[in-house]
N, C-alpha and C. Protein backbone atom coordinates (compact mmCIF):
# COMPACT_ATOMS: atom_id res chain seq x y z
N UNK A 1 -17.68 -3.38 11.95
CA UNK A 1 -16.60 -3.14 11.01
C UNK A 1 -15.35 -3.90 11.49
N UNK A 2 -14.68 -4.55 10.58
CA UNK A 2 -13.46 -5.29 10.95
C UNK A 2 -12.25 -4.34 11.04
N UNK A 3 -12.28 -3.45 12.02
CA UNK A 3 -11.25 -2.40 12.10
C UNK A 3 -9.84 -2.97 12.22
N UNK A 4 -9.69 -4.06 12.95
CA UNK A 4 -8.35 -4.65 13.11
C UNK A 4 -7.80 -5.13 11.76
N UNK A 5 -8.63 -5.76 10.96
CA UNK A 5 -8.18 -6.21 9.63
C UNK A 5 -7.86 -5.03 8.72
N UNK A 6 -8.67 -3.98 8.83
CA UNK A 6 -8.41 -2.78 8.04
C UNK A 6 -7.07 -2.17 8.44
N UNK A 7 -6.82 -2.11 9.74
CA UNK A 7 -5.55 -1.56 10.24
C UNK A 7 -4.37 -2.42 9.77
N UNK A 8 -4.52 -3.72 9.83
CA UNK A 8 -3.43 -4.61 9.40
C UNK A 8 -3.11 -4.45 7.92
N UNK A 9 -4.16 -4.31 7.11
CA UNK A 9 -3.94 -4.11 5.67
C UNK A 9 -3.19 -2.81 5.44
N UNK A 10 -3.60 -1.77 6.14
CA UNK A 10 -2.94 -0.47 6.00
C UNK A 10 -1.48 -0.56 6.40
N UNK A 11 -1.21 -1.22 7.53
CA UNK A 11 0.17 -1.36 8.00
C UNK A 11 1.03 -2.10 6.98
N UNK A 12 0.49 -3.17 6.44
CA UNK A 12 1.23 -3.97 5.46
C UNK A 12 1.53 -3.15 4.21
N UNK A 13 0.54 -2.41 3.73
CA UNK A 13 0.75 -1.59 2.54
C UNK A 13 1.73 -0.45 2.81
N UNK A 14 1.63 0.17 3.96
CA UNK A 14 2.49 1.30 4.29
C UNK A 14 3.95 0.87 4.46
N UNK A 15 4.16 -0.36 4.93
CA UNK A 15 5.52 -0.83 5.19
C UNK A 15 6.01 -1.79 4.12
N UNK A 16 5.30 -1.86 3.00
CA UNK A 16 5.71 -2.64 1.83
C UNK A 16 6.03 -4.09 2.19
N UNK A 17 5.08 -4.74 2.85
CA UNK A 17 5.26 -6.15 3.19
C UNK A 17 5.43 -6.99 1.93
N UNK A 18 6.26 -8.00 2.03
CA UNK A 18 6.45 -8.89 0.89
C UNK A 18 5.20 -9.74 0.69
N UNK A 19 4.97 -10.12 -0.53
CA UNK A 19 3.85 -10.99 -0.82
C UNK A 19 2.51 -10.27 -0.84
N UNK A 20 2.52 -8.98 -1.13
CA UNK A 20 1.27 -8.24 -1.20
C UNK A 20 0.40 -8.80 -2.31
N UNK A 21 -0.83 -9.12 -1.98
CA UNK A 21 -1.78 -9.68 -2.94
C UNK A 21 -2.59 -8.53 -3.53
N UNK A 22 -2.16 -8.07 -4.70
CA UNK A 22 -2.82 -6.92 -5.32
C UNK A 22 -4.24 -7.25 -5.76
N UNK A 23 -4.52 -8.50 -6.03
CA UNK A 23 -5.89 -8.91 -6.34
C UNK A 23 -6.80 -8.72 -5.14
N UNK A 24 -6.29 -9.06 -3.96
CA UNK A 24 -7.07 -8.87 -2.74
C UNK A 24 -7.29 -7.39 -2.46
N UNK A 25 -6.29 -6.58 -2.75
CA UNK A 25 -6.43 -5.13 -2.56
C UNK A 25 -7.50 -4.60 -3.51
N UNK A 26 -7.46 -5.02 -4.75
CA UNK A 26 -8.46 -4.58 -5.73
C UNK A 26 -9.87 -5.01 -5.30
N UNK A 27 -10.01 -6.26 -4.85
CA UNK A 27 -11.31 -6.73 -4.39
C UNK A 27 -11.80 -5.91 -3.21
N UNK A 28 -10.91 -5.55 -2.31
CA UNK A 28 -11.28 -4.72 -1.17
C UNK A 28 -11.79 -3.37 -1.63
N UNK A 29 -11.08 -2.77 -2.58
CA UNK A 29 -11.50 -1.47 -3.10
C UNK A 29 -12.86 -1.54 -3.78
N UNK A 30 -13.07 -2.58 -4.57
CA UNK A 30 -14.30 -2.68 -5.35
C UNK A 30 -15.49 -3.13 -4.50
N UNK A 31 -15.28 -4.12 -3.63
CA UNK A 31 -16.40 -4.73 -2.92
C UNK A 31 -16.58 -4.23 -1.49
N UNK A 32 -15.50 -3.97 -0.77
CA UNK A 32 -15.60 -3.62 0.65
C UNK A 32 -15.61 -2.13 0.92
N UNK A 33 -14.87 -1.37 0.14
CA UNK A 33 -14.76 0.06 0.41
C UNK A 33 -16.11 0.78 0.36
N UNK A 34 -16.99 0.47 -0.59
CA UNK A 34 -18.29 1.15 -0.57
C UNK A 34 -19.06 0.91 0.73
N UNK A 35 -18.99 -0.30 1.27
CA UNK A 35 -19.66 -0.60 2.54
C UNK A 35 -19.05 0.18 3.68
N UNK A 36 -17.72 0.24 3.71
CA UNK A 36 -17.02 1.00 4.75
C UNK A 36 -17.38 2.47 4.63
N UNK A 37 -17.40 2.98 3.41
CA UNK A 37 -17.76 4.38 3.18
C UNK A 37 -19.16 4.68 3.71
N UNK A 38 -20.12 3.83 3.38
CA UNK A 38 -21.49 4.03 3.84
C UNK A 38 -21.58 4.00 5.37
N UNK A 39 -20.85 3.08 5.99
CA UNK A 39 -20.85 2.96 7.45
C UNK A 39 -20.29 4.23 8.09
N UNK A 40 -19.16 4.69 7.60
CA UNK A 40 -18.53 5.90 8.16
C UNK A 40 -19.42 7.11 7.93
N UNK A 41 -19.98 7.24 6.75
CA UNK A 41 -20.85 8.37 6.45
C UNK A 41 -22.07 8.38 7.37
N UNK A 42 -22.69 7.23 7.58
CA UNK A 42 -23.85 7.15 8.47
C UNK A 42 -23.46 7.47 9.91
N UNK A 43 -22.30 7.01 10.32
CA UNK A 43 -21.83 7.29 11.68
C UNK A 43 -21.59 8.78 11.88
N UNK A 44 -21.02 9.43 10.90
CA UNK A 44 -20.74 10.86 11.01
C UNK A 44 -22.01 11.70 11.02
N UNK A 45 -23.06 11.20 10.42
CA UNK A 45 -24.33 11.93 10.38
C UNK A 45 -25.11 11.83 11.68
N UNK A 46 -24.71 10.94 12.57
CA UNK A 46 -25.43 10.74 13.84
C UNK A 46 -25.33 11.95 14.72
């Protein structure tokens, strides 16, 4: 999991960084979040 990139995105969104690419955020939600969800869910079931 690219935890550092996830953390950086969170920091940028939380601190309202200029130049936020809302298209990239949408793509992350649609394409990446399900994978992250599955990974976390599987890890918690261990």
